Protein backbone atom coordinates (compact mmCIF):
# COMPACT_ATOMS: atom_id res chain seq x y z
CA MET A 1 -13.78 21.67 8.06
CA PHE A 2 -11.43 19.69 5.83
CA SER A 3 -8.18 21.43 6.73
CA GLY A 4 -5.99 18.39 5.97
CA ILE A 5 -7.39 17.76 2.48
CA GLU A 6 -6.28 19.83 -0.47
CA PHE A 7 -8.81 20.35 -3.24
CA THR A 8 -6.64 19.33 -6.18
CA GLY A 9 -7.86 17.82 -9.41
CA GLN A 10 -6.67 14.39 -8.31
CA ASN A 11 -8.60 14.56 -5.02
CA ILE A 12 -11.77 15.73 -6.77
CA ALA A 13 -11.45 12.96 -9.38
CA PHE A 14 -10.92 10.41 -6.58
CA PHE A 15 -14.02 11.70 -4.80
CA LEU A 16 -16.16 11.49 -7.96
CA ILE A 17 -14.92 8.00 -8.87
CA SER A 18 -15.45 6.84 -5.29
CA MET A 19 -19.01 8.18 -5.31
CA PHE A 20 -19.62 6.33 -8.60
CA VAL A 21 -18.31 3.06 -7.10
CA ILE A 22 -20.40 3.50 -3.95
CA ALA A 23 -23.52 4.38 -5.99
CA CYS A 24 -23.09 1.30 -8.19
CA GLY A 25 -22.57 -0.85 -5.09
CA VAL A 26 -25.72 0.50 -3.46
CA MET A 27 -27.63 0.00 -6.71
CA MET A 28 -26.42 -3.60 -6.83
CA LEU A 29 -27.79 -4.19 -3.36
CA THR A 30 -31.12 -2.44 -3.87
CA LEU A 31 -32.16 -3.35 -7.42
CA ARG A 32 -34.61 -6.20 -7.84
CA LYS A 33 -33.74 -7.51 -11.31
CA VAL A 34 -30.67 -9.72 -11.51
CA LEU A 35 -29.61 -8.32 -14.88
CA TYR A 36 -29.48 -4.78 -13.50
CA MET A 37 -27.53 -6.06 -10.51
CA ALA A 38 -24.92 -7.61 -12.82
CA LEU A 39 -24.60 -4.37 -14.79
CA SER A 40 -24.11 -2.35 -11.60
CA VAL A 41 -21.38 -4.78 -10.49
CA GLY A 42 -19.71 -4.04 -13.83
CA GLY A 43 -19.88 -0.34 -12.95
CA VAL A 44 -18.16 -1.06 -9.64
CA PHE A 45 -15.38 -2.93 -11.44
CA ILE A 46 -14.85 -0.10 -13.93
CA GLY A 47 -14.78 2.49 -11.12
CA VAL A 48 -12.19 0.49 -9.22
CA ALA A 49 -10.10 0.39 -12.40
CA GLY A 50 -10.31 4.19 -12.48
CA ILE A 51 -8.96 4.32 -8.93
CA TYR A 52 -6.11 2.02 -9.98
CA ILE A 53 -5.28 4.41 -12.81
CA MET A 54 -5.16 7.28 -10.34
CA LEU A 55 -2.76 5.26 -8.19
CA GLU A 56 -0.50 4.81 -11.26
CA ALA A 57 -1.11 1.05 -11.29
CA GLU A 58 -1.96 0.83 -14.97
CA PHE A 59 -1.41 -2.93 -15.17
CA LEU A 60 -3.89 -3.56 -12.35
CA ALA A 61 -6.40 -1.24 -14.03
CA PHE A 62 -6.03 -3.14 -17.30
CA ILE A 63 -6.44 -6.50 -15.56
CA GLN A 64 -9.41 -5.14 -13.58
CA ILE A 65 -11.21 -4.13 -16.77
CA LEU A 66 -10.18 -7.25 -18.69
CA LEU A 67 -10.97 -9.82 -16.03
CA TYR A 68 -13.63 -8.35 -13.80
CA ALA A 69 -15.52 -5.86 -15.91
CA GLY A 70 -15.26 -8.16 -18.90
CA ALA A 71 -15.02 -11.83 -18.06
CA ILE A 72 -16.68 -11.96 -14.63
CA THR A 73 -19.60 -9.76 -15.66
CA ILE A 74 -20.11 -11.84 -18.82
CA MET A 75 -19.96 -15.03 -16.73
CA MET A 76 -22.59 -13.57 -14.38
CA LEU A 77 -24.82 -12.73 -17.34
CA PHE A 78 -24.45 -16.30 -18.64
CA ALA A 79 -25.39 -17.60 -15.19
CA ILE A 80 -28.48 -15.37 -15.27
CA MET A 81 -29.44 -16.73 -18.68
CA LEU A 82 -28.89 -20.36 -17.62
CA THR A 83 -30.98 -20.15 -14.47
CA ARG A 84 -34.72 -19.73 -14.22
CA HIS A 85 -36.23 -16.50 -12.91
CA ASP A 86 -39.84 -15.71 -12.21
CA GLU A 87 -41.50 -13.32 -14.64
CA VAL A 88 -43.72 -11.86 -11.94
CA GLU A 89 -41.96 -10.06 -9.14
CA LYS A 90 -43.13 -10.48 -5.60
CA PRO A 91 -44.47 -7.29 -4.01
CA GLN A 92 -41.98 -5.54 -1.79
CA ARG A 93 -42.64 -5.29 1.91
CA VAL A 94 -41.91 -1.96 3.49
CA THR A 95 -39.54 -2.44 6.42
CA ALA A 96 -37.29 -0.27 8.53
CA HIS A 97 -34.12 -2.09 7.43
CA PRO A 98 -33.03 0.53 4.86
CA VAL A 99 -33.42 3.29 7.43
CA TRP A 100 -31.32 1.44 10.01
CA ALA A 101 -28.74 0.56 7.36
CA ALA A 102 -28.44 4.22 6.33
CA ILE A 103 -28.09 5.34 9.95
CA GLY A 104 -25.42 2.70 10.53
CA ALA A 105 -23.51 3.65 7.37
CA ILE A 106 -23.59 7.34 8.26
CA GLY A 107 -22.43 6.51 11.79
CA ILE A 108 -19.51 4.39 10.58
CA GLY A 109 -18.57 7.09 8.06
CA ALA A 110 -18.62 9.73 10.82
CA ILE A 111 -16.43 7.56 13.05
CA ILE A 112 -13.91 7.01 10.24
CA LEU A 113 -13.88 10.74 9.44
CA TYR A 114 -13.42 11.63 13.11
CA VAL A 115 -10.57 9.14 13.57
CA THR A 116 -8.74 10.23 10.43
CA LYS A 117 -9.15 13.92 11.26
CA PHE A 118 -8.23 13.89 14.94
CA ALA A 119 -5.85 10.94 15.22
CA GLY A 120 -3.06 12.79 13.44
CA LEU A 121 -3.19 10.59 10.37
CA ARG A 122 -2.14 12.13 7.10
CA TRP A 123 -3.47 11.31 3.66
CA PRO A 124 -0.98 9.25 1.62
CA SER A 125 0.27 10.61 -1.65
CA ALA A 126 1.58 8.93 -4.77
CA THR A 127 5.16 9.94 -3.88
CA ASP A 128 5.07 7.89 -0.64
CA SER A 129 5.59 4.63 -2.53
CA PRO A 130 8.88 2.82 -1.83
CA TRP A 131 8.72 1.47 -5.40
CA GLU A 132 8.70 4.89 -7.02
CA GLY A 133 10.04 4.72 -10.57
CA GLN A 134 10.06 0.92 -10.80
CA ASP A 135 8.08 -1.12 -13.32
CA ASN A 136 4.99 -2.31 -11.47
CA VAL A 137 4.28 -5.07 -14.03
CA LYS A 138 7.67 -6.61 -13.30
CA LEU A 139 7.13 -6.32 -9.54
CA ILE A 140 3.68 -7.95 -9.77
CA GLY A 141 5.05 -10.77 -11.92
CA GLU A 142 7.92 -11.43 -9.55
CA SER A 143 5.55 -11.47 -6.57
CA LEU A 144 2.91 -13.68 -8.21
CA PHE A 145 5.31 -16.26 -9.56
CA GLY A 146 7.77 -16.02 -6.69
CA GLN A 147 6.50 -15.88 -3.14
CA TYR A 148 2.76 -16.05 -4.02
CA VAL A 149 2.78 -18.87 -6.59
CA ILE A 150 0.91 -21.38 -4.36
CA PRO A 151 -1.93 -18.99 -3.37
CA PHE A 152 -2.18 -17.88 -7.01
CA GLU A 153 -2.68 -21.47 -8.18
CA LEU A 154 -5.10 -22.21 -5.33
CA VAL A 155 -7.28 -19.25 -6.31
CA SER A 156 -7.44 -20.53 -9.89
CA LEU A 157 -8.44 -23.97 -8.56
CA VAL A 158 -11.20 -22.44 -6.40
CA LEU A 159 -12.54 -20.50 -9.40
CA ILE A 160 -12.66 -23.68 -11.51
CA VAL A 161 -14.49 -25.54 -8.74
CA ALA A 162 -16.99 -22.66 -8.43
CA LEU A 163 -17.62 -22.71 -12.19
CA VAL A 164 -18.18 -26.50 -12.20
CA GLY A 165 -20.51 -26.13 -9.20
CA ALA A 166 -22.52 -23.41 -10.96
CA VAL A 167 -22.93 -25.57 -14.07
CA THR A 168 -23.97 -28.54 -11.90
CA LEU A 169 -26.58 -26.45 -10.08
CA ALA A 170 -27.91 -25.07 -13.36
CA ASN A 171 -28.29 -28.62 -14.73
CA LYS A 172 -30.12 -29.79 -11.57
CA GLU A 173 -32.68 -26.98 -11.93
CA GLU A 174 -33.43 -28.01 -15.53
CA LYS A 175 -34.24 -31.60 -14.48
């Protein structure tokens, strides 16, 4: 069935980490309490950092854990504490949406599996990188502060505006 995939330790670890990330993402979408949603987003961030470690991008993994799993999750928890939430949950209505979503996800997964298996694509390996043996921290720094300096600064500006907007909305709800 999976003739193009070797069952090495790295592939099994990738599969397990990917399943963890997908499970945390699905939990984030299906849980009702906002606190649990924020914790599952933290699980997604930590799983993605594990994938970065497998790709030998240790700097990105460190930044992923430091910024996303740490700072962003803490900021989301502060936003939860600053906003008002109802103590009583509304009763859930039973609909067919989860069934259709599952059928759609399985269909898209089957299409992707079919295309990757029969289109002659091969799975990339860590040795395919043109930057093999180079310091990825240096390459990231040169890219961020060289050709991507303007987008980098614009993203920081957008994050500041989003933070100010969140504080403004939280203050409006108090009044």
